[in-house]
Amino acid sequence: MSVDQEETHQRLKAAVHYTIGQLCQKLGEDHRRKFSRQVVAAIAETTFRQCDIFAKDLEAFARHAKRSTVSTEDVKLIARRSTALSIHIQNKIEELSQEQKDSKKKSAGKRKSRDTEEDSRE
């Protein structure tokens, strides 16, 4: 790994550790529990490694499909082993799809109203 890659790797790891620390603190407050530094570090390390595995798998799925871009289908493949995660991801995909349809309808409506205005001016 180059120096830049190593620095980026360490910064990402630190960001994950910080975020996990914040989540553990919030959960601890909500449930009147404390998380030791060692537990936070272990969760952060596990999370970082799992994200690395997910990223490599996503790249492999896209490459296998002869694509250079990771798609939602690749993400669904990653989540297939966890029913709850799979359902959550499917719901998010549907939400995003609906939002895209809604925004297309709005932009098409705006175009029609502009065209109508221009026609009435002429």
PDB file of N, CA and C in Angstrom:
ATOM      1  N   MET A   1       0.838  -1.181   0.000  1.00  0.00           N
ATOM      2  CA  MET A   1       0.000   0.000   0.000  1.00  0.00           C
ATOM      3  C   MET A   1       0.884   1.247   0.000  1.00  0.00           C
ATOM      4  N   SER A   2       0.474   2.248  -0.793  1.00  0.00           N
ATOM      5  CA  SER A   2       1.230   3.487  -0.834  1.00  0.00           C
ATOM      6  C   SER A   2       0.949   4.302   0.432  1.00  0.00           C
ATOM      7  N   VAL A   3       1.724   5.337   0.609  1.00  0.00           N
ATOM      8  CA  VAL A   3       1.568   6.195   1.789  1.00  0.00           C
ATOM      9  C   VAL A   3       0.179   6.837   1.790  1.00  0.00           C
ATOM     10  N   ASP A   4      -0.277   7.318   0.624  1.00  0.00           N
ATOM     11  CA  ASP A   4      -1.609   7.927   0.531  1.00  0.00           C
ATOM     12  C   ASP A   4      -2.704   6.924   0.857  1.00  0.00           C
ATOM     13  N   GLN A   5      -2.563   5.711   0.334  1.00  0.00           N
ATOM     14  CA  GLN A   5      -3.565   4.680   0.604  1.00  0.00           C
ATOM     15  C   GLN A   5      -3.575   4.317   2.080  1.00  0.00           C
ATOM     16  N   GLU A   6      -2.405   4.218   2.671  1.00  0.00           N
ATOM     17  CA  GLU A   6      -2.318   3.892   4.098  1.00  0.00           C
ATOM     18  C   GLU A   6      -2.941   4.993   4.947  1.00  0.00           C
ATOM     19  N   GLU A   7      -2.687   6.237   4.573  1.00  0.00           N
ATOM     20  CA  GLU A   7      -3.271   7.370   5.300  1.00  0.00           C
ATOM     21  C   GLU A   7      -4.798   7.364   5.180  1.00  0.00           C
ATOM     22  N   THR A   8      -5.295   7.123   3.975  1.00  0.00           N
ATOM     23  CA  THR A   8      -6.739   7.050   3.758  1.00  0.00           C
ATOM     24  C   THR A   8      -7.336   5.903   4.559  1.00  0.00           C
ATOM     25  N   HIS A   9      -6.664   4.768   4.553  1.00  0.00           N
ATOM     26  CA  HIS A   9      -7.105   3.596   5.315  1.00  0.00           C
ATOM     27  C   HIS A   9      -7.220   3.932   6.805  1.00  0.00           C
ATOM     28  N   GLN A  10      -6.214   4.588   7.344  1.00  0.00           N
ATOM     29  CA  GLN A  10      -6.212   4.950   8.761  1.00  0.00           C
ATOM     30  C   GLN A  10      -7.294   5.982   9.079  1.00  0.00           C
ATOM     31  N   ARG A  11      -7.507   6.922   8.177  1.00  0.00           N
ATOM     32  CA  ARG A  11      -8.551   7.926   8.402  1.00  0.00           C
ATOM     33  C   ARG A  11      -9.935   7.293   8.383  1.00  0.00           C
ATOM     34  N   LEU A  12     -10.159   6.372   7.446  1.00  0.00           N
ATOM     35  CA  LEU A  12     -11.441   5.664   7.403  1.00  0.00           C
ATOM     36  C   LEU A  12     -11.654   4.845   8.666  1.00  0.00           C
ATOM     37  N   LYS A  13     -10.601   4.181   9.093  1.00  0.00           N
ATOM     38  CA  LYS A  13     -10.685   3.372  10.307  1.00  0.00           C
ATOM     39  C   LYS A  13     -11.009   4.251  11.515  1.00  0.00           C
ATOM     40  N   ALA A  14     -10.382   5.402  11.586  1.00  0.00           N
ATOM     41  CA  ALA A  14     -10.638   6.334  12.687  1.00  0.00           C
ATOM     42  C   ALA A  14     -12.080   6.853  12.637  1.00  0.00           C
ATOM     43  N   ALA A  15     -12.577   7.118  11.434  1.00  0.00           N
ATOM     44  CA  ALA A  15     -13.955   7.599  11.282  1.00  0.00           C
ATOM     45  C   ALA A  15     -14.955   6.529  11.719  1.00  0.00           C
ATOM     46  N   VAL A  16     -14.689   5.276  11.365  1.00  0.00           N
ATOM     47  CA  VAL A  16     -15.559   4.182  11.785  1.00  0.00           C
ATOM     48  C   VAL A  16     -15.518   4.053  13.302  1.00  0.00           C
ATOM     49  N   HIS A  17     -14.323   4.122  13.871  1.00  0.00           N
ATOM     50  CA  HIS A  17     -14.178   4.004  15.328  1.00  0.00           C
ATOM     51  C   HIS A  17     -14.941   5.120  16.037  1.00  0.00           C
ATOM     52  N   TYR A  18     -14.812   6.336  15.534  1.00  0.00           N
ATOM     53  CA  TYR A  18     -15.510   7.471  16.132  1.00  0.00           C
ATOM     54  C   TYR A  18     -17.026   7.270  16.065  1.00  0.00           C
ATOM     55  N   THR A  19     -17.519   6.867  14.888  1.00  0.00           N
ATOM     56  CA  THR A  19     -18.955   6.681  14.703  1.00  0.00           C
ATOM     57  C   THR A  19     -19.486   5.571  15.604  1.00  0.00           C
ATOM     58  N   ILE A  20     -18.760   4.479  15.694  1.00  0.00           N
ATOM     59  CA  ILE A  20     -19.160   3.375  16.571  1.00  0.00           C
ATOM     60  C   ILE A  20     -19.177   3.859  18.021  1.00  0.00           C
ATOM     61  N   GLY A  21     -18.190   4.658  18.394  1.00  0.00           N
ATOM     62  CA  GLY A  21     -18.154   5.209  19.749  1.00  0.00           C
ATOM     63  C   GLY A  21     -19.386   6.056  20.042  1.00  0.00           C
ATOM     64  N   GLN A  22     -19.778   6.877  19.065  1.00  0.00           N
ATOM     65  CA  GLN A  22     -20.957   7.724  19.232  1.00  0.00           C
ATOM     66  C   GLN A  22     -22.226   6.878  19.351  1.00  0.00           C
ATOM     67  N   LEU A  23     -22.333   5.853  18.512  1.00  0.00           N
ATOM     68  CA  LEU A  23     -23.505   4.967  18.574  1.00  0.00           C
ATOM     69  C   LEU A  23     -23.571   4.230  19.906  1.00  0.00           C
ATOM     70  N   CYS A  24     -22.430   3.728  20.368  1.00  0.00           N
ATOM     71  CA  CYS A  24     -22.403   3.018  21.650  1.00  0.00           C
ATOM     72  C   CYS A  24     -22.764   3.955  22.801  1.00  0.00           C
ATOM     73  N   GLN A  25     -22.282   5.178  22.736  1.00  0.00           N
ATOM     74  CA  GLN A  25     -22.603   6.145  23.779  1.00  0.00           C
ATOM     75  C   GLN A  25     -24.104   6.424  23.805  1.00  0.00           C
ATOM     76  N   LYS A  26     -24.697   6.624  22.630  1.00  0.00           N
ATOM     77  CA  LYS A  26     -26.138   6.884  22.543  1.00  0.00           C
ATOM     78  C   LYS A  26     -26.938   5.691  23.051  1.00  0.00           C
ATOM     79  N   LEU A  27     -26.569   4.489  22.618  1.00  0.00           N
ATOM     80  CA  LEU A  27     -27.259   3.288  23.082  1.00  0.00           C
ATOM     81  C   LEU A  27     -27.086   3.104  24.593  1.00  0.00           C
ATOM     82  N   GLY A  28     -25.900   3.395  25.077  1.00  0.00           N
ATOM     83  CA  GLY A  28     -25.634   3.283  26.511  1.00  0.00           C
ATOM     84  C   GLY A  28     -26.515   4.215  27.321  1.00  0.00           C
ATOM     85  N   GLU A  29     -26.679   5.445  26.831  1.00  0.00           N
ATOM     86  CA  GLU A  29     -27.542   6.405  27.519  1.00  0.00           C
ATOM     87  C   GLU A  29     -29.001   5.940  27.491  1.00  0.00           C
ATOM     88  N   ASP A  30     -29.429   5.427  26.343  1.00  0.00           N
ATOM     89  CA  ASP A  30     -30.815   4.981  26.198  1.00  0.00           C
ATOM     90  C   ASP A  30     -31.138   3.789  27.092  1.00  0.00           C
ATOM     91  N   HIS A  31     -30.155   2.926  27.307  1.00  0.00           N
ATOM     92  CA  HIS A  31     -30.387   1.691  28.062  1.00  0.00           C
ATOM     93  C   HIS A  31     -29.661   1.642  29.412  1.00  0.00           C
ATOM     94  N   ARG A  32     -29.141   2.789  29.806  1.00  0.00           N
ATOM     95  CA  ARG A  32     -28.433   2.916  31.088  1.00  0.00           C
ATOM     96  C   ARG A  32     -27.330   1.867  31.241  1.00  0.00           C
ATOM     97  N   ARG A  33     -26.501   1.772  30.208  1.00  0.00           N
ATOM     98  CA  ARG A  33     -25.365   0.855  30.195  1.00  0.00           C
ATOM     99  C   ARG A  33     -24.129   1.620  29.754  1.00  0.00           C
ATOM    100  N   LYS A  34     -22.974   1.061  30.049  1.00  0.00           N
ATOM    101  CA  LYS A  34     -21.719   1.648  29.591  1.00  0.00           C
ATOM    102  C   LYS A  34     -20.987   0.633  28.737  1.00  0.00           C
ATOM    103  N   PHE A  35     -20.313   1.122  27.714  1.00  0.00           N
ATOM    104  CA  PHE A  35     -19.481   0.285  26.862  1.00  0.00           C
ATOM    105  C   PHE A  35     -18.029   0.603  27.178  1.00  0.00           C
ATOM    106  N   SER A  36     -17.236  -0.430  27.435  1.00  0.00           N
ATOM    107  CA  SER A  36     -15.817  -0.198  27.698  1.00  0.00           C
ATOM    108  C   SER A  36     -15.111   0.189  26.397  1.00  0.00           C
ATOM    109  N   ARG A  37     -13.947   0.782  26.532  1.00  0.00           N
ATOM    110  CA  ARG A  37     -13.164   1.174  25.355  1.00  0.00           C
ATOM    111  C   ARG A  37     -12.800  -0.040  24.510  1.00  0.00           C
ATOM    112  N   GLN A  38     -12.518  -1.150  25.188  1.00  0.00           N
ATOM    113  CA  GLN A  38     -12.147  -2.362  24.467  1.00  0.00           C
ATOM    114  C   GLN A  38     -13.313  -2.888  23.625  1.00  0.00           C
ATOM    115  N   VAL A  39     -14.524  -2.815  24.177  1.00  0.00           N
ATOM    116  CA  VAL A  39     -15.704  -3.273  23.438  1.00  0.00           C
ATOM    117  C   VAL A  39     -15.937  -2.377  22.225  1.00  0.00           C
ATOM    118  N   VAL A  40     -15.842  -1.075  22.402  1.00  0.00           N
ATOM    119  CA  VAL A  40     -16.025  -0.139  21.292  1.00  0.00           C
ATOM    120  C   VAL A  40     -14.979  -0.411  20.214  1.00  0.00           C
ATOM    121  N   ALA A  41     -13.738  -0.621  20.621  1.00  0.00           N
ATOM    122  CA  ALA A  41     -12.673  -0.900  19.658  1.00  0.00           C
ATOM    123  C   ALA A  41     -12.924  -2.212  18.918  1.00  0.00           C
ATOM    124  N   ALA A  42     -13.395  -3.227  19.634  1.00  0.00           N
ATOM    125  CA  ALA A  42     -13.670  -4.527  19.007  1.00  0.00           C
ATOM    126  C   ALA A  42     -14.817  -4.405  17.999  1.00  0.00           C
ATOM    127  N   ILE A  43     -15.867  -3.688  18.367  1.00  0.00           N
ATOM    128  CA  ILE A  43     -16.998  -3.495  17.452  1.00  0.00           C
ATOM    129  C   ILE A  43     -16.543  -2.703  16.225  1.00  0.00           C
ATOM    130  N   ALA A  44     -15.750  -1.667  16.452  1.00  0.00           N
ATOM    131  CA  ALA A  44     -15.260  -0.842  15.343  1.00  0.00           C
ATOM    132  C   ALA A  44     -14.389  -1.665  14.401  1.00  0.00           C
ATOM    133  N   GLU A  45     -13.503  -2.472  14.934  1.00  0.00           N
ATOM    134  CA  GLU A  45     -12.618  -3.301  14.104  1.00  0.00           C
ATOM    135  C   GLU A  45     -13.427  -4.316  13.301  1.00  0.00           C
ATOM    136  N   THR A  46     -14.390  -4.945  13.954  1.00  0.00           N
ATOM    137  CA  THR A  46     -15.244  -5.920  13.276  1.00  0.00           C
ATOM    138  C   THR A  46     -16.044  -5.252  12.164  1.00  0.00           C
ATOM    139  N   THR A  47     -16.588  -4.086  12.451  1.00  0.00           N
ATOM    140  CA  THR A  47     -17.364  -3.335  11.461  1.00  0.00           C
ATOM    141  C   THR A  47     -16.495  -2.962  10.269  1.00  0.00           C
ATOM    142  N   PHE A  48     -15.292  -2.473  10.552  1.00  0.00           N
ATOM    143  CA  PHE A  48     -14.386  -2.070   9.479  1.00  0.00           C
ATOM    144  C   PHE A  48     -14.031  -3.256   8.589  1.00  0.00           C
ATOM    145  N   ARG A  49     -13.726  -4.373   9.199  1.00  0.00           N
ATOM    146  CA  ARG A  49     -13.382  -5.576   8.423  1.00  0.00           C
ATOM    147  C   ARG A  49     -14.566  -6.066   7.596  1.00  0.00           C
ATOM    148  N   GLN A  50     -15.758  -6.032   8.191  1.00  0.00           N
ATOM    149  CA  GLN A  50     -16.950  -6.479   7.460  1.00  0.00           C
ATOM    150  C   GLN A  50     -17.229  -5.563   6.275  1.00  0.00           C
ATOM    151  N   CYS A  51     -17.061  -4.258   6.454  1.00  0.00           N
ATOM    152  CA  CYS A  51     -17.246  -3.315   5.349  1.00  0.00           C
ATOM    153  C   CYS A  51     -16.238  -3.578   4.235  1.00  0.00           C
ATOM    154  N   ASP A  52     -15.017  -3.915   4.603  1.00  0.00           N
ATOM    155  CA  ASP A  52     -13.982  -4.243   3.619  1.00  0.00           C
ATOM    156  C   ASP A  52     -14.387  -5.491   2.830  1.00  0.00           C
ATOM    157  N   ILE A  53     -14.889  -6.493   3.514  1.00  0.00           N
ATOM    158  CA  ILE A  53     -15.350  -7.716   2.853  1.00  0.00           C
ATOM    159  C   ILE A  53     -16.516  -7.397   1.924  1.00  0.00           C
ATOM    160  N   PHE A  54     -17.470  -6.597   2.396  1.00  0.00           N
ATOM    161  CA  PHE A  54     -18.611  -6.211   1.565  1.00  0.00           C
ATOM    162  C   PHE A  54     -18.137  -5.483   0.304  1.00  0.00           C
ATOM    163  N   ALA A  55     -17.211  -4.561   0.456  1.00  0.00           N
ATOM    164  CA  ALA A  55     -16.726  -3.791  -0.691  1.00  0.00           C
ATOM    165  C   ALA A  55     -16.073  -4.705  -1.725  1.00  0.00           C
ATOM    166  N   LYS A  56     -15.255  -5.628  -1.274  1.00  0.00           N
ATOM    167  CA  LYS A  56     -14.595  -6.560  -2.203  1.00  0.00           C
ATOM    168  C   LYS A  56     -15.621  -7.466  -2.880  1.00  0.00           C
ATOM    169  N   ASP A  57     -16.614  -7.930  -2.125  1.00  0.00           N
ATOM    170  CA  ASP A  57     -17.655  -8.772  -2.716  1.00  0.00           C
ATOM    171  C   ASP A  57     -18.473  -7.995  -3.746  1.00  0.00           C
ATOM    172  N   LEU A  58     -18.820  -6.752  -3.431  1.00  0.00           N
ATOM    173  CA  LEU A  58     -19.579  -5.936  -4.376  1.00  0.00           C
ATOM    174  C   LEU A  58     -18.805  -5.732  -5.679  1.00  0.00           C
ATOM    175  N   GLU A  59     -17.512  -5.472  -5.556  1.00  0.00           N
ATOM    176  CA  GLU A  59     -16.677  -5.321  -6.749  1.00  0.00           C
ATOM    177  C   GLU A  59     -16.665  -6.609  -7.558  1.00  0.00           C
ATOM    178  N   ALA A  60     -16.559  -7.739  -6.867  1.00  0.00           N
ATOM    179  CA  ALA A  60     -16.523  -9.035  -7.550  1.00  0.00           C
ATOM    180  C   ALA A  60     -17.854  -9.324  -8.251  1.00  0.00           C
ATOM    181  N   PHE A  61     -18.967  -9.020  -7.608  1.00  0.00           N
ATOM    182  CA  PHE A  61     -20.276  -9.245  -8.227  1.00  0.00           C
ATOM    183  C   PHE A  61     -20.419  -8.408  -9.494  1.00  0.00           C
ATOM    184  N   ALA A  62     -20.037  -7.144  -9.413  1.00  0.00           N
ATOM    185  CA  ALA A  62     -20.128  -6.262 -10.582  1.00  0.00           C
ATOM    186  C   ALA A  62     -19.204  -6.754 -11.695  1.00  0.00           C
ATOM    187  N   ARG A  63     -17.994  -7.124 -11.346  1.00  0.00           N
ATOM    188  CA  ARG A  63     -17.032  -7.621 -12.330  1.00  0.00           C
ATOM    189  C   ARG A  63     -17.557  -8.903 -12.994  1.00  0.00           C
ATOM    190  N   HIS A  64     -18.135  -9.789 -12.191  1.00  0.00           N
ATOM    191  CA  HIS A  64     -18.694 -11.033 -12.715  1.00  0.00           C
ATOM    192  C   HIS A  64     -19.798 -10.762 -13.740  1.00  0.00           C
ATOM    193  N   ALA A  65     -20.571  -9.719 -13.502  1.00  0.00           N
ATOM    194  CA  ALA A  65     -21.646  -9.334 -14.423  1.00  0.00           C
ATOM    195  C   ALA A  65     -21.122  -8.462 -15.562  1.00  0.00           C
ATOM    196  N   LYS A  66     -19.799  -8.331 -15.640  1.00  0.00           N
ATOM    197  CA  LYS A  66     -19.134  -7.535 -16.680  1.00  0.00           C
ATOM    198  C   LYS A  66     -19.564  -6.067 -16.654  1.00  0.00           C
ATOM    199  N   ARG A  67     -19.694  -5.541 -15.444  1.00  0.00           N
ATOM    200  CA  ARG A  67     -20.033  -4.133 -15.246  1.00  0.00           C
ATOM    201  C   ARG A  67     -18.913  -3.463 -14.474  1.00  0.00           C
ATOM    202  N   SER A  68     -18.784  -2.162 -14.668  1.00  0.00           N
ATOM    203  CA  SER A  68     -17.784  -1.413 -13.904  1.00  0.00           C
ATOM    204  C   SER A  68     -18.429  -0.672 -12.730  1.00  0.00           C
ATOM    205  N   THR A  69     -19.760  -0.712 -12.663  1.00  0.00           N
ATOM    206  CA  THR A  69     -20.493  -0.020 -11.611  1.00  0.00           C
ATOM    207  C   THR A  69     -21.270  -1.024 -10.771  1.00  0.00           C
ATOM    208  N   VAL A  70     -21.219  -0.846  -9.468  1.00  0.00           N
ATOM    209  CA  VAL A  70     -21.984  -1.686  -8.551  1.00  0.00           C
ATOM    210  C   VAL A  70     -23.453  -1.277  -8.645  1.00  0.00           C
ATOM    211  N   SER A  71     -24.350  -2.260  -8.724  1.00  0.00           N
ATOM    212  CA  SER A  71     -25.775  -1.965  -8.853  1.00  0.00           C
ATOM    213  C   SER A  71     -26.530  -2.403  -7.600  1.00  0.00           C
ATOM    214  N   THR A  72     -27.811  -2.059  -7.572  1.00  0.00           N
ATOM    215  CA  THR A  72     -28.647  -2.475  -6.442  1.00  0.00           C
ATOM    216  C   THR A  72     -28.755  -3.989  -6.369  1.00  0.00           C
ATOM    217  N   GLU A  73     -28.683  -4.653  -7.513  1.00  0.00           N
ATOM    218  CA  GLU A  73     -28.735  -6.118  -7.517  1.00  0.00           C
ATOM    219  C   GLU A  73     -27.534  -6.706  -6.777  1.00  0.00           C
ATOM    220  N   ASP A  74     -26.379  -6.067  -6.901  1.00  0.00           N
ATOM    221  CA  ASP A  74     -25.185  -6.520  -6.183  1.00  0.00           C
ATOM    222  C   ASP A  74     -25.374  -6.362  -4.677  1.00  0.00           C
ATOM    223  N   VAL A  75     -25.973  -5.245  -4.296  1.00  0.00           N
ATOM    224  CA  VAL A  75     -26.216  -4.992  -2.874  1.00  0.00           C
ATOM    225  C   VAL A  75     -27.197  -6.018  -2.316  1.00  0.00           C
ATOM    226  N   LYS A  76     -28.219  -6.354  -3.108  1.00  0.00           N
ATOM    227  CA  LYS A  76     -29.172  -7.376  -2.666  1.00  0.00           C
ATOM    228  C   LYS A  76     -28.478  -8.728  -2.481  1.00  0.00           C
ATOM    229  N   LEU A  77     -27.527  -9.021  -3.348  1.00  0.00           N
ATOM    230  CA  LEU A  77     -26.774 -10.276  -3.198  1.00  0.00           C
ATOM    231  C   LEU A  77     -25.978 -10.301  -1.896  1.00  0.00           C
ATOM    232  N   ILE A  78     -25.388  -9.164  -1.535  1.00  0.00           N
ATOM    233  CA  ILE A  78     -24.627  -9.086  -0.283  1.00  0.00           C
ATOM    234  C   ILE A  78     -25.528  -9.376   0.905  1.00  0.00           C
ATOM    235  N   ALA A  79     -26.750  -8.866   0.852  1.00  0.00           N
ATOM    236  CA  ALA A  79     -27.664  -8.938   1.996  1.00  0.00           C
ATOM    237  C   ALA A  79     -28.438 -10.248   2.069  1.00  0.00           C
ATOM    238  N   ARG A  80     -28.263 -11.125   1.120  1.00  0.00           N
ATOM    239  CA  ARG A  80     -29.103 -12.318   1.033  1.00  0.00           C
ATOM    240  C   ARG A  80     -29.022 -13.235   2.246  1.00  0.00           C
ATOM    241  N   ARG A  81     -27.950 -13.195   3.000  1.00  0.00           N
ATOM    242  CA  ARG A  81     -27.789 -14.083   4.158  1.00  0.00           C
ATOM    243  C   ARG A  81     -28.492 -13.578   5.409  1.00  0.00           C
ATOM    244  N   SER A  82     -28.851 -12.308   5.399  1.00  0.00           N
ATOM    245  CA  SER A  82     -29.537 -11.720   6.548  1.00  0.00           C
ATOM    246  C   SER A  82     -30.935 -11.288   6.116  1.00  0.00           C
ATOM    247  N   THR A  83     -31.931 -11.999   6.604  1.00  0.00           N
ATOM    248  CA  THR A  83     -33.308 -11.708   6.201  1.00  0.00           C
ATOM    249  C   THR A  83     -33.696 -10.268   6.542  1.00  0.00           C
ATOM    250  N   ALA A  84     -33.393  -9.839   7.748  1.00  0.00           N
ATOM    251  CA  ALA A  84     -33.767  -8.484   8.170  1.00  0.00           C
ATOM    252  C   ALA A  84     -33.067  -7.438   7.305  1.00  0.00           C
ATOM    253  N   LEU A  85     -31.786  -7.630   7.042  1.00  0.00           N
ATOM    254  CA  LEU A  85     -31.043  -6.682   6.204  1.00  0.00           C
ATOM    255  C   LEU A  85     -31.574  -6.704   4.776  1.00  0.00           C
ATOM    256  N   SER A  86     -31.874  -7.867   4.284  1.00  0.00           N
ATOM    257  CA  SER A  86     -32.402  -8.001   2.929  1.00  0.00           C
ATOM    258  C   SER A  86     -33.735  -7.265   2.786  1.00  0.00           C
ATOM    259  N   ILE A  87     -34.609  -7.424   3.755  1.00  0.00           N
ATOM    260  CA  ILE A  87     -35.910  -6.734   3.732  1.00  0.00           C
ATOM    261  C   ILE A  87     -35.706  -5.223   3.806  1.00  0.00           C
ATOM    262  N   HIS A  88     -34.810  -4.788   4.689  1.00  0.00           N
ATOM    263  CA  HIS A  88     -34.527  -3.355   4.844  1.00  0.00           C
ATOM    264  C   HIS A  88     -34.002  -2.767   3.530  1.00  0.00           C
ATOM    265  N   ILE A  89     -33.073  -3.454   2.908  1.00  0.00           N
ATOM    266  CA  ILE A  89     -32.494  -2.961   1.654  1.00  0.00           C
ATOM    267  C   ILE A  89     -33.551  -2.936   0.555  1.00  0.00           C
ATOM    268  N   GLN A  90     -34.382  -3.964   0.476  1.00  0.00           N
ATOM    269  CA  GLN A  90     -35.446  -3.996  -0.529  1.00  0.00           C
ATOM    270  C   GLN A  90     -36.408  -2.820  -0.340  1.00  0.00           C
ATOM    271  N   ASN A  91     -36.755  -2.533   0.921  1.00  0.00           N
ATOM    272  CA  ASN A  91     -37.635  -1.385   1.203  1.00  0.00           C
ATOM    273  C   ASN A  91     -36.994  -0.072   0.781  1.00  0.00           C
ATOM    274  N   LYS A  92     -35.705   0.084   1.055  1.00  0.00           N
ATOM    275  CA  LYS A  92     -34.992   1.316   0.673  1.00  0.00           C
ATOM    276  C   LYS A  92     -34.930   1.456  -0.838  1.00  0.00           C
ATOM    277  N   ILE A  93     -34.685   0.345  -1.540  1.00  0.00           N
ATOM    278  CA  ILE A  93     -34.640   0.383  -2.999  1.00  0.00           C
ATOM    279  C   ILE A  93     -35.994   0.818  -3.549  1.00  0.00           C
ATOM    280  N   GLU A  94     -37.067   0.288  -2.986  1.00  0.00           N
ATOM    281  CA  GLU A  94     -38.404   0.673  -3.428  1.00  0.00           C
ATOM    282  C   GLU A  94     -38.680   2.148  -3.151  1.00  0.00           C
ATOM    283  N   GLU A  95     -38.251   2.634  -1.970  1.00  0.00           N
ATOM    284  CA  GLU A  95     -38.432   4.051  -1.643  1.00  0.00           C
ATOM    285  C   GLU A  95     -37.701   4.935  -2.644  1.00  0.00           C
ATOM    286  N   LEU A  96     -36.443   4.603  -2.930  1.00  0.00           N
ATOM    287  CA  LEU A  96     -35.652   5.390  -3.874  1.00  0.00           C
ATOM    288  C   LEU A  96     -36.263   5.357  -5.268  1.00  0.00           C
ATOM    289  N   SER A  97     -36.745   4.205  -5.669  1.00  0.00           N
ATOM    290  CA  SER A  97     -37.379   4.075  -6.973  1.00  0.00           C
ATOM    291  C   SER A  97     -38.621   4.956  -7.054  1.00  0.00           C
ATOM    292  N   GLN A  98     -39.419   4.961  -5.998  1.00  0.00           N
ATOM    293  CA  GLN A  98     -40.628   5.792  -5.959  1.00  0.00           C
ATOM    294  C   GLN A  98     -40.264   7.275  -5.995  1.00  0.00           C
ATOM    295  N   GLU A  99     -39.228   7.663  -5.247  1.00  0.00           N
ATOM    296  CA  GLU A  99     -38.799   9.067  -5.246  1.00  0.00           C
ATOM    297  C   GLU A  99     -38.336   9.490  -6.633  1.00  0.00           C
ATOM    298  N   GLN A 100     -37.616   8.606  -7.324  1.00  0.00           N
ATOM    299  CA  GLN A 100     -37.164   8.937  -8.677  1.00  0.00           C
ATOM    300  C   GLN A 100     -38.343   9.099  -9.625  1.00  0.00           C
ATOM    301  N   LYS A 101     -39.340   8.222  -9.502  1.00  0.00           N
ATOM    302  CA  LYS A 101     -40.525   8.338 -10.342  1.00  0.00           C
ATOM    303  C   LYS A 101     -41.250   9.646 -10.073  1.00  0.00           C
ATOM    304  N   ASP A 102     -41.383   9.990  -8.776  1.00  0.00           N
ATOM    305  CA  ASP A 102     -42.064  11.233  -8.405  1.00  0.00           C
ATOM    306  C   ASP A 102     -41.329  12.451  -8.946  1.00  0.00           C
ATOM    307  N   SER A 103     -40.008  12.462  -8.847  1.00  0.00           N
ATOM    308  CA  SER A 103     -39.245  13.619  -9.325  1.00  0.00           C
ATOM    309  C   SER A 103     -39.313  13.724 -10.844  1.00  0.00           C
ATOM    310  N   LYS A 104     -39.373  12.580 -11.533  1.00  0.00           N
ATOM    311  CA  LYS A 104     -39.523  12.623 -12.999  1.00  0.00           C
ATOM    312  C   LYS A 104     -40.876  13.194 -13.379  1.00  0.00           C
ATOM    313  N   LYS A 105     -41.925  12.804 -12.631  1.00  0.00           N
ATOM    314  CA  LYS A 105     -43.261  13.321 -12.912  1.00  0.00           C
ATOM    315  C   LYS A 105     -43.293  14.831 -12.711  1.00  0.00           C
ATOM    316  N   LYS A 106     -42.662  15.301 -11.616  1.00  0.00           N
ATOM    317  CA  LYS A 106     -42.648  16.739 -11.336  1.00  0.00           C
ATOM    318  C   LYS A 106     -41.918  17.498 -12.434  1.00  0.00           C
ATOM    319  N   SER A 107     -40.756  16.989 -12.852  1.00  0.00           N
ATOM    320  CA  SER A 107     -39.995  17.693 -13.886  1.00  0.00           C
ATOM    321  C   SER A 107     -40.721  17.650 -15.225  1.00  0.00           C
ATOM    322  N   ALA A 108     -41.428  16.553 -15.517  1.00  0.00           N
ATOM    323  CA  ALA A 108     -42.218  16.474 -16.747  1.00  0.00           C
ATOM    324  C   ALA A 108     -43.374  17.461 -16.682  1.00  0.00           C
ATOM    325  N   GLY A 109     -43.998  17.599 -15.523  1.00  0.00           N
ATOM    326  CA  GLY A 109     -45.081  18.558 -15.342  1.00  0.00           C
ATOM    327  C   GLY A 109     -44.600  19.980 -15.507  1.00  0.00           C
ATOM    328  N   LYS A 110     -43.433  20.282 -14.999  1.00  0.00           N
ATOM    329  CA  LYS A 110     -42.874  21.628 -15.141  1.00  0.00           C
ATOM    330  C   LYS A 110     -42.582  21.932 -16.602  1.00  0.00           C
ATOM    331  N   ARG A 111     -42.049  20.929 -17.322  1.00  0.00           N
ATOM    332  CA  ARG A 111     -41.759  21.130 -18.734  1.00  0.00           C
ATOM    333  C   ARG A 111     -43.039  21.406 -19.517  1.00  0.00           C
ATOM    334  N   LYS A 112     -44.105  20.662 -19.196  1.00  0.00           N
ATOM    335  CA  LYS A 112     -45.380  20.867 -19.892  1.00  0.00           C
ATOM    336  C   LYS A 112     -45.916  22.269 -19.620  1.00  0.00           C
ATOM    337  N   SER A 113     -45.841  22.713 -18.364  1.00  0.00           N
ATOM    338  CA  SER A 113     -46.373  24.044 -18.039  1.00  0.00           C
ATOM    339  C   SER A 113     -45.534  25.123 -18.700  1.00  0.00           C
ATOM    340  N   ARG A 114     -44.223  24.937 -18.815  1.00  0.00           N
ATOM    341  CA  ARG A 114     -43.382  25.919 -19.508  1.00  0.00           C
ATOM    342  C   ARG A 114     -43.728  25.962 -20.999  1.00  0.00           C
ATOM    343  N   ASP A 115     -43.907  24.766 -21.575  1.00  0.00           N
ATOM    344  CA  ASP A 115     -44.254  24.705 -22.992  1.00  0.00           C
ATOM    345  C   ASP A 115     -45.587  25.395 -23.244  1.00  0.00           C
ATOM    346  N   THR A 116     -46.547  25.175 -22.360  1.00  0.00           N
ATOM    347  CA  THR A 116     -47.868  25.793 -22.480  1.00  0.00           C
ATOM    348  C   THR A 116     -47.751  27.308 -22.376  1.00  0.00           C
ATOM    349  N   GLU A 117     -46.926  27.796 -21.434  1.00  0.00           N
ATOM    350  CA  GLU A 117     -46.727  29.233 -21.271  1.00  0.00           C
ATOM    351  C   GLU A 117     -46.097  29.838 -22.522  1.00  0.00           C
ATOM    352  N   GLU A 118     -45.094  29.139 -23.086  1.00  0.00           N
ATOM    353  CA  GLU A 118     -44.430  29.657 -24.275  1.00  0.00           C
ATOM    354  C   GLU A 118     -45.383  29.687 -25.456  1.00  0.00           C
ATOM    355  N   ASP A 119     -46.236  28.650 -25.576  1.00  0.00           N
ATOM    356  CA  ASP A 119     -47.205  28.613 -26.660  1.00  0.00           C
ATOM    357  C   ASP A 119     -48.213  29.761 -26.548  1.00  0.00           C
ATOM    358  N   SER A 120     -48.656  30.067 -25.325  1.00  0.00           N
ATOM    359  CA  SER A 120     -49.640  31.115 -25.114  1.00  0.00           C
ATOM    360  C   SER A 120     -49.038  32.498 -25.377  1.00  0.00           C
ATOM    361  N   ARG A 121     -47.729  32.639 -25.190  1.00  0.00           N
ATOM    362  CA  ARG A 121     -47.073  33.919 -25.457  1.00  0.00           C
ATOM    363  C   ARG A 121     -46.986  34.189 -26.951  1.00  0.00           C
ATOM    364  N   GLU A 122     -46.857  33.131 -27.724  1.00  0.00           N
ATOM    365  CA  GLU A 122     -46.682  33.292 -29.181  1.00  0.00           C
ATOM    366  C   GLU A 122     -47.980  33.556 -29.800  1.00  0.00           C
TER     367      GLU A 122
END
